[in-house]
Amino acid sequence: MDPGETSLFSLIAKRMSWLSQRQKVLAQNIANADTPGFAPRDLKPFAFRQILRGESAGPRAQVSRTDGAHLSGRNRRADAADEARARRTYETSLSGNSVVIEEQMMKVAETQAAYQLTTGLYRKHLAMIKSALGRPTQ
């Protein structure tokens, strides 16, 4: 396994990618606010602990299946960036549309704040490395 895979920079890149994908999904929800029968979507939460555990665990041994009754051992969980239907909707219109603009706008603002926090973390970490190397930071 590449030692750089668990670096803060790779985790930040994954987080920023997830946040960008979430903004796209939320924008589609808002764009379809008047579409009959449309149900809002969202991404599965970014599971930082699971990503960290998965990357730091190293390569995993493959289990051989010697009997047909044994479990296959395959992980059936969906990818972290898979879209999922919203579980809780506060309103549903007569046309069957369950997009609540206020709820979607709150999620957009939450995602924007998380993106700003992540970029701030990236800048601070980069400035710390530059400082350790004796290079001027701006």
N, C-alpha and C. Protein backbone atom coordinates (compact mmCIF):
# COMPACT_ATOMS: atom_id res chain seq x y z
N MET A 1 0.84 -1.18 0.00
CA MET A 1 0.00 0.00 0.00
C MET A 1 0.89 1.23 0.00
N ASP A 2 0.52 2.21 -0.76
CA ASP A 2 1.26 3.46 -0.85
C ASP A 2 1.12 4.22 0.47
N PRO A 3 2.24 4.67 1.09
CA PRO A 3 2.13 5.36 2.37
C PRO A 3 1.39 6.68 2.27
N GLY A 4 1.29 7.25 1.07
CA GLY A 4 0.60 8.52 0.92
C GLY A 4 -0.91 8.40 0.90
N GLU A 5 -1.44 7.17 0.85
CA GLU A 5 -2.88 6.98 0.77
C GLU A 5 -3.62 7.46 2.01
N THR A 6 -2.99 7.39 3.16
CA THR A 6 -3.66 7.81 4.38
C THR A 6 -3.25 9.21 4.80
N SER A 7 -2.61 9.94 3.91
CA SER A 7 -2.20 11.29 4.26
C SER A 7 -3.42 12.18 4.38
N LEU A 8 -3.23 13.26 5.08
CA LEU A 8 -4.31 14.21 5.25
C LEU A 8 -4.75 14.78 3.91
N PHE A 9 -3.81 14.96 2.99
CA PHE A 9 -4.15 15.50 1.68
C PHE A 9 -5.09 14.58 0.91
N SER A 10 -4.88 13.28 0.96
CA SER A 10 -5.77 12.36 0.23
C SER A 10 -7.15 12.32 0.88
N LEU A 11 -7.20 12.39 2.20
CA LEU A 11 -8.50 12.42 2.88
C LEU A 11 -9.25 13.71 2.58
N ILE A 12 -8.52 14.83 2.52
CA ILE A 12 -9.14 16.10 2.18
C ILE A 12 -9.69 16.05 0.75
N ALA A 13 -8.93 15.47 -0.16
CA ALA A 13 -9.37 15.36 -1.55
C ALA A 13 -10.65 14.53 -1.65
N LYS A 14 -10.71 13.44 -0.91
CA LYS A 14 -11.91 12.60 -0.92
C LYS A 14 -13.10 13.35 -0.34
N ARG A 15 -12.87 14.07 0.74
CA ARG A 15 -13.94 14.85 1.37
C ARG A 15 -14.46 15.93 0.42
N MET A 16 -13.55 16.63 -0.25
CA MET A 16 -13.96 17.68 -1.17
C MET A 16 -14.71 17.10 -2.37
N SER A 17 -14.31 15.95 -2.84
CA SER A 17 -15.01 15.28 -3.93
C SER A 17 -16.43 14.91 -3.50
N TRP A 18 -16.57 14.36 -2.30
CA TRP A 18 -17.89 14.00 -1.78
C TRP A 18 -18.77 15.24 -1.64
N LEU A 19 -18.20 16.33 -1.13
CA LEU A 19 -18.98 17.56 -0.96
C LEU A 19 -19.42 18.13 -2.31
N SER A 20 -18.55 18.05 -3.31
CA SER A 20 -18.92 18.53 -4.65
C SER A 20 -20.05 17.69 -5.24
N GLN A 21 -19.95 16.38 -5.08
CA GLN A 21 -21.01 15.49 -5.58
C GLN A 21 -22.33 15.76 -4.86
N ARG A 22 -22.25 16.05 -3.57
CA ARG A 22 -23.48 16.33 -2.81
C ARG A 22 -24.13 17.61 -3.29
N GLN A 23 -23.32 18.63 -3.58
CA GLN A 23 -23.89 19.88 -4.09
C GLN A 23 -24.63 19.64 -5.40
N LYS A 24 -24.09 18.80 -6.26
CA LYS A 24 -24.76 18.50 -7.54
C LYS A 24 -26.11 17.82 -7.30
N VAL A 25 -26.13 16.86 -6.39
CA VAL A 25 -27.38 16.14 -6.10
C VAL A 25 -28.41 17.10 -5.50
N LEU A 26 -27.99 17.97 -4.58
CA LEU A 26 -28.92 18.92 -3.97
C LEU A 26 -29.42 19.93 -5.00
N ALA A 27 -28.56 20.34 -5.93
CA ALA A 27 -28.99 21.25 -6.99
C ALA A 27 -30.03 20.59 -7.88
N GLN A 28 -29.87 19.29 -8.15
CA GLN A 28 -30.87 18.57 -8.94
C GLN A 28 -32.20 18.49 -8.19
N ASN A 29 -32.14 18.31 -6.87
CA ASN A 29 -33.36 18.29 -6.07
C ASN A 29 -34.10 19.61 -6.20
N ILE A 30 -33.37 20.70 -6.08
CA ILE A 30 -33.98 22.03 -6.16
C ILE A 30 -34.53 22.28 -7.56
N ALA A 31 -33.79 21.85 -8.58
CA ALA A 31 -34.25 22.04 -9.96
C ALA A 31 -35.53 21.26 -10.25
N ASN A 32 -35.74 20.16 -9.57
CA ASN A 32 -36.93 19.33 -9.78
C ASN A 32 -38.01 19.56 -8.73
N ALA A 33 -37.99 20.72 -8.10
CA ALA A 33 -38.95 21.00 -7.04
C ALA A 33 -40.40 21.00 -7.53
N ASP A 34 -40.61 21.24 -8.82
CA ASP A 34 -41.97 21.26 -9.37
C ASP A 34 -42.28 20.04 -10.23
N THR A 35 -41.39 19.07 -10.28
CA THR A 35 -41.60 17.87 -11.09
C THR A 35 -42.53 16.91 -10.35
N PRO A 36 -43.65 16.54 -10.94
CA PRO A 36 -44.58 15.62 -10.27
C PRO A 36 -43.92 14.28 -9.95
N GLY A 37 -44.13 13.81 -8.74
CA GLY A 37 -43.64 12.50 -8.33
C GLY A 37 -42.16 12.43 -8.00
N PHE A 38 -41.46 13.55 -8.05
CA PHE A 38 -40.02 13.53 -7.79
C PHE A 38 -39.76 13.44 -6.29
N ALA A 39 -38.86 12.55 -5.92
CA ALA A 39 -38.45 12.41 -4.51
C ALA A 39 -37.02 12.92 -4.39
N PRO A 40 -36.72 13.72 -3.37
CA PRO A 40 -35.36 14.24 -3.23
C PRO A 40 -34.36 13.14 -2.94
N ARG A 41 -33.12 13.38 -3.36
CA ARG A 41 -32.03 12.42 -3.15
C ARG A 41 -30.95 13.11 -2.33
N ASP A 42 -30.08 12.30 -1.76
CA ASP A 42 -28.93 12.81 -1.03
C ASP A 42 -27.85 11.73 -1.10
N LEU A 43 -26.64 12.08 -0.73
CA LEU A 43 -25.56 11.10 -0.70
C LEU A 43 -25.49 10.48 0.69
N LYS A 44 -24.96 9.27 0.72
CA LYS A 44 -24.71 8.66 2.02
C LYS A 44 -23.65 9.48 2.72
N PRO A 45 -23.71 9.59 4.04
CA PRO A 45 -22.74 10.41 4.76
C PRO A 45 -21.30 9.97 4.51
N PHE A 46 -20.41 10.95 4.54
CA PHE A 46 -18.98 10.70 4.39
C PHE A 46 -18.48 10.12 5.70
N ALA A 47 -18.19 8.83 5.69
CA ALA A 47 -17.80 8.12 6.92
C ALA A 47 -16.29 8.19 7.09
N PHE A 48 -15.82 9.24 7.73
CA PHE A 48 -14.38 9.47 7.91
C PHE A 48 -13.73 8.31 8.65
N ARG A 49 -14.34 7.84 9.71
CA ARG A 49 -13.75 6.75 10.50
C ARG A 49 -13.61 5.47 9.69
N GLN A 50 -14.63 5.16 8.90
CA GLN A 50 -14.56 3.94 8.08
C GLN A 50 -13.49 4.06 7.01
N ILE A 51 -13.36 5.22 6.41
CA ILE A 51 -12.34 5.43 5.38
C ILE A 51 -10.96 5.31 6.00
N LEU A 52 -10.78 5.91 7.17
CA LEU A 52 -9.49 5.86 7.84
C LEU A 52 -9.14 4.43 8.24
N ARG A 53 -10.11 3.69 8.77
CA ARG A 53 -9.87 2.29 9.14
C ARG A 53 -9.56 1.44 7.92
N GLY A 54 -10.29 1.65 6.86
CA GLY A 54 -10.11 0.86 5.65
C GLY A 54 -8.75 1.08 5.02
N GLU A 55 -8.25 2.31 5.04
CA GLU A 55 -6.97 2.60 4.41
C GLU A 55 -5.80 2.19 5.29
N SER A 56 -5.96 2.30 6.60
CA SER A 56 -4.83 2.00 7.47
C SER A 56 -4.71 0.51 7.77
N ALA A 57 -5.73 -0.25 7.43
CA ALA A 57 -5.69 -1.68 7.75
C ALA A 57 -4.76 -2.46 6.83
N GLY A 58 -4.43 -1.91 5.69
CA GLY A 58 -3.54 -2.60 4.77
C GLY A 58 -4.28 -3.61 3.95
N PRO A 59 -3.56 -4.35 3.11
CA PRO A 59 -4.24 -5.35 2.27
C PRO A 59 -4.83 -6.46 3.13
N ARG A 60 -6.00 -6.89 2.74
CA ARG A 60 -6.69 -7.91 3.52
C ARG A 60 -6.52 -9.27 2.86
N ALA A 61 -6.42 -10.28 3.68
CA ALA A 61 -6.27 -11.65 3.17
C ALA A 61 -7.59 -12.11 2.58
N GLN A 62 -7.51 -12.84 1.49
CA GLN A 62 -8.71 -13.39 0.87
C GLN A 62 -9.02 -14.74 1.52
N VAL A 63 -10.27 -14.95 1.82
CA VAL A 63 -10.71 -16.19 2.43
C VAL A 63 -11.15 -17.13 1.32
N SER A 64 -10.66 -18.37 1.37
CA SER A 64 -11.08 -19.33 0.35
C SER A 64 -12.36 -20.02 0.81
N ARG A 65 -13.24 -20.28 -0.12
CA ARG A 65 -14.53 -20.90 0.16
C ARG A 65 -14.42 -22.38 -0.21
N THR A 66 -14.36 -23.24 0.81
CA THR A 66 -14.16 -24.67 0.57
C THR A 66 -15.45 -25.47 0.52
N ASP A 67 -16.57 -24.85 0.92
CA ASP A 67 -17.84 -25.54 0.94
C ASP A 67 -18.91 -24.59 0.40
N GLY A 68 -19.87 -25.09 -0.30
CA GLY A 68 -20.93 -24.26 -0.85
C GLY A 68 -21.78 -23.57 0.19
N ALA A 69 -21.80 -24.11 1.42
CA ALA A 69 -22.60 -23.51 2.48
C ALA A 69 -21.88 -22.35 3.17
N HIS A 70 -20.59 -22.16 2.87
CA HIS A 70 -19.85 -21.06 3.48
C HIS A 70 -20.30 -19.72 2.91
N LEU A 71 -20.16 -18.70 3.71
CA LEU A 71 -20.48 -17.35 3.23
C LEU A 71 -19.40 -16.90 2.26
N SER A 72 -19.78 -16.07 1.31
CA SER A 72 -18.82 -15.65 0.29
C SER A 72 -17.79 -14.66 0.82
N GLY A 73 -18.12 -13.91 1.84
CA GLY A 73 -17.17 -12.95 2.40
C GLY A 73 -17.08 -11.66 1.62
N ARG A 74 -17.95 -11.46 0.66
CA ARG A 74 -17.94 -10.22 -0.11
C ARG A 74 -18.65 -9.13 0.66
N ASN A 75 -18.14 -7.94 0.52
CA ASN A 75 -18.75 -6.78 1.15
C ASN A 75 -19.84 -6.26 0.23
N ARG A 76 -21.05 -6.22 0.70
CA ARG A 76 -22.16 -5.80 -0.14
C ARG A 76 -22.58 -4.36 0.12
N ARG A 77 -21.83 -3.63 0.92
CA ARG A 77 -22.18 -2.24 1.18
C ARG A 77 -21.98 -1.42 -0.08
N ALA A 78 -22.81 -0.45 -0.25
CA ALA A 78 -22.70 0.42 -1.43
C ALA A 78 -21.57 1.42 -1.23
N ASP A 79 -21.12 1.99 -2.32
CA ASP A 79 -20.06 2.99 -2.29
C ASP A 79 -20.53 4.21 -1.50
N ALA A 80 -19.57 4.93 -0.88
CA ALA A 80 -19.90 6.08 -0.04
C ALA A 80 -20.58 7.19 -0.83
N ALA A 81 -20.34 7.26 -2.11
CA ALA A 81 -20.91 8.33 -2.91
C ALA A 81 -22.20 7.92 -3.63
N ASP A 82 -22.78 6.80 -3.27
CA ASP A 82 -24.02 6.37 -3.89
C ASP A 82 -25.16 7.29 -3.46
N GLU A 83 -26.04 7.55 -4.39
CA GLU A 83 -27.21 8.34 -4.05
C GLU A 83 -28.20 7.46 -3.31
N ALA A 84 -28.89 8.08 -2.40
CA ALA A 84 -29.91 7.37 -1.64
C ALA A 84 -31.15 8.24 -1.56
N ARG A 85 -32.28 7.63 -1.60
CA ARG A 85 -33.53 8.39 -1.46
C ARG A 85 -33.59 8.96 -0.05
N ALA A 86 -34.14 10.15 0.05
CA ALA A 86 -34.27 10.77 1.36
C ALA A 86 -35.25 9.94 2.20
N ARG A 87 -34.91 9.66 3.41
CA ARG A 87 -35.75 8.83 4.26
C ARG A 87 -36.89 9.63 4.89
N ARG A 88 -36.57 10.85 5.30
CA ARG A 88 -37.57 11.66 5.96
C ARG A 88 -37.89 12.87 5.09
N THR A 89 -39.12 13.01 4.71
CA THR A 89 -39.54 14.22 4.02
C THR A 89 -40.63 14.84 4.86
N TYR A 90 -40.59 16.14 4.94
CA TYR A 90 -41.53 16.85 5.81
C TYR A 90 -42.86 17.11 5.14
N GLU A 91 -42.84 17.26 3.82
CA GLU A 91 -44.07 17.55 3.11
C GLU A 91 -44.10 16.76 1.81
N THR A 92 -45.28 16.48 1.35
CA THR A 92 -45.45 15.91 0.03
C THR A 92 -46.63 16.64 -0.62
N SER A 93 -46.41 17.14 -1.82
CA SER A 93 -47.47 17.88 -2.50
C SER A 93 -48.48 16.91 -3.09
N LEU A 94 -49.57 17.46 -3.59
CA LEU A 94 -50.61 16.62 -4.20
C LEU A 94 -50.10 15.90 -5.44
N SER A 95 -49.07 16.48 -6.10
CA SER A 95 -48.52 15.84 -7.30
C SER A 95 -47.54 14.71 -6.94
N GLY A 96 -47.28 14.50 -5.65
CA GLY A 96 -46.37 13.44 -5.23
C GLY A 96 -44.93 13.90 -5.07
N ASN A 97 -44.67 15.17 -5.30
CA ASN A 97 -43.32 15.72 -5.16
C ASN A 97 -43.05 15.99 -3.68
N SER A 98 -41.93 15.51 -3.18
CA SER A 98 -41.63 15.68 -1.76
C SER A 98 -40.40 16.55 -1.51
N VAL A 99 -40.05 17.40 -2.48
CA VAL A 99 -38.92 18.32 -2.31
C VAL A 99 -39.38 19.52 -1.51
N VAL A 100 -38.70 19.79 -0.40
CA VAL A 100 -38.96 20.98 0.39
C VAL A 100 -37.77 21.92 0.18
N ILE A 101 -38.04 23.05 -0.47
CA ILE A 101 -36.96 23.96 -0.85
C ILE A 101 -36.16 24.41 0.37
N GLU A 102 -36.83 24.72 1.47
CA GLU A 102 -36.12 25.19 2.67
C GLU A 102 -35.16 24.13 3.19
N GLU A 103 -35.62 22.88 3.20
CA GLU A 103 -34.78 21.78 3.66
C GLU A 103 -33.56 21.61 2.76
N GLN A 104 -33.78 21.69 1.44
CA GLN A 104 -32.67 21.54 0.49
C GLN A 104 -31.69 22.70 0.62
N MET A 105 -32.19 23.90 0.82
CA MET A 105 -31.31 25.06 0.96
C MET A 105 -30.48 24.97 2.24
N MET A 106 -31.04 24.41 3.30
CA MET A 106 -30.28 24.20 4.54
C MET A 106 -29.15 23.20 4.29
N LYS A 107 -29.44 22.16 3.54
CA LYS A 107 -28.40 21.17 3.23
C LYS A 107 -27.32 21.77 2.35
N VAL A 108 -27.71 22.64 1.40
CA VAL A 108 -26.73 23.31 0.54
C VAL A 108 -25.82 24.20 1.40
N ALA A 109 -26.40 24.95 2.32
CA ALA A 109 -25.60 25.82 3.20
C ALA A 109 -24.68 24.99 4.09
N GLU A 110 -25.17 23.87 4.60
CA GLU A 110 -24.35 22.98 5.43
C GLU A 110 -23.16 22.43 4.63
N THR A 111 -23.43 22.04 3.39
CA THR A 111 -22.37 21.50 2.53
C THR A 111 -21.36 22.57 2.18
N GLN A 112 -21.84 23.79 1.92
CA GLN A 112 -20.93 24.90 1.62
C GLN A 112 -20.02 25.21 2.81
N ALA A 113 -20.57 25.21 4.01
CA ALA A 113 -19.77 25.46 5.21
C ALA A 113 -18.73 24.35 5.41
N ALA A 114 -19.12 23.11 5.18
CA ALA A 114 -18.18 22.00 5.31
C ALA A 114 -17.07 22.10 4.27
N TYR A 115 -17.40 22.56 3.06
CA TYR A 115 -16.40 22.72 2.01
C TYR A 115 -15.41 23.82 2.40
N GLN A 116 -15.91 24.92 2.94
CA GLN A 116 -15.03 26.01 3.39
C GLN A 116 -14.13 25.56 4.53
N LEU A 117 -14.66 24.78 5.44
CA LEU A 117 -13.86 24.24 6.53
C LEU A 117 -12.76 23.32 6.00
N THR A 118 -13.10 22.49 5.03
CA THR A 118 -12.13 21.55 4.46
C THR A 118 -11.03 22.30 3.71
N THR A 119 -11.39 23.32 2.94
CA THR A 119 -10.36 24.09 2.23
C THR A 119 -9.48 24.86 3.21
N GLY A 120 -10.06 25.34 4.31
CA GLY A 120 -9.27 26.00 5.34
C GLY A 120 -8.28 25.04 5.99
N LEU A 121 -8.72 23.82 6.24
CA LEU A 121 -7.84 22.80 6.79
C LEU A 121 -6.70 22.50 5.83
N TYR A 122 -7.01 22.43 4.53
CA TYR A 122 -5.99 22.19 3.51
C TYR A 122 -4.95 23.32 3.52
N ARG A 123 -5.42 24.57 3.52
CA ARG A 123 -4.49 25.71 3.52
C ARG A 123 -3.60 25.72 4.76
N LYS A 124 -4.17 25.47 5.92
CA LYS A 124 -3.39 25.47 7.16
C LYS A 124 -2.34 24.36 7.15
N HIS A 125 -2.73 23.19 6.68
CA HIS A 125 -1.80 22.06 6.63
C HIS A 125 -0.66 22.34 5.65
N LEU A 126 -0.98 22.93 4.51
CA LEU A 126 0.03 23.28 3.52
C LEU A 126 0.97 24.35 4.06
N ALA A 127 0.42 25.35 4.77
CA ALA A 127 1.25 26.40 5.36
C ALA A 127 2.19 25.83 6.43
N MET A 128 1.71 24.84 7.18
CA MET A 128 2.54 24.21 8.20
C MET A 128 3.71 23.47 7.56
N ILE A 129 3.46 22.78 6.46
CA ILE A 129 4.52 22.06 5.77
C ILE A 129 5.53 23.05 5.18
N LYS A 130 5.05 24.13 4.58
CA LYS A 130 5.95 25.14 4.04
C LYS A 130 6.81 25.76 5.13
N SER A 131 6.20 26.01 6.26
CA SER A 131 6.93 26.58 7.40
C SER A 131 8.01 25.62 7.89
N ALA A 132 7.69 24.34 7.93
CA ALA A 132 8.67 23.35 8.37
C ALA A 132 9.84 23.25 7.39
N LEU A 133 9.58 23.52 6.11
CA LEU A 133 10.63 23.48 5.10
C LEU A 133 11.40 24.80 5.01
N GLY A 134 10.96 25.79 5.77
CA GLY A 134 11.63 27.09 5.76
C GLY A 134 11.25 27.98 4.59
N ARG A 135 10.14 27.69 3.97
CA ARG A 135 9.66 28.50 2.85
C ARG A 135 8.67 29.53 3.36
N PRO A 136 8.64 30.70 2.75
CA PRO A 136 7.67 31.73 3.22
C PRO A 136 6.24 31.32 2.87
N THR A 137 5.35 31.61 3.78
CA THR A 137 3.93 31.35 3.54
C THR A 137 3.24 32.68 3.29
N GLN A 138 2.25 32.67 2.42
CA GLN A 138 1.54 33.92 2.11
C GLN A 138 0.10 33.80 2.42
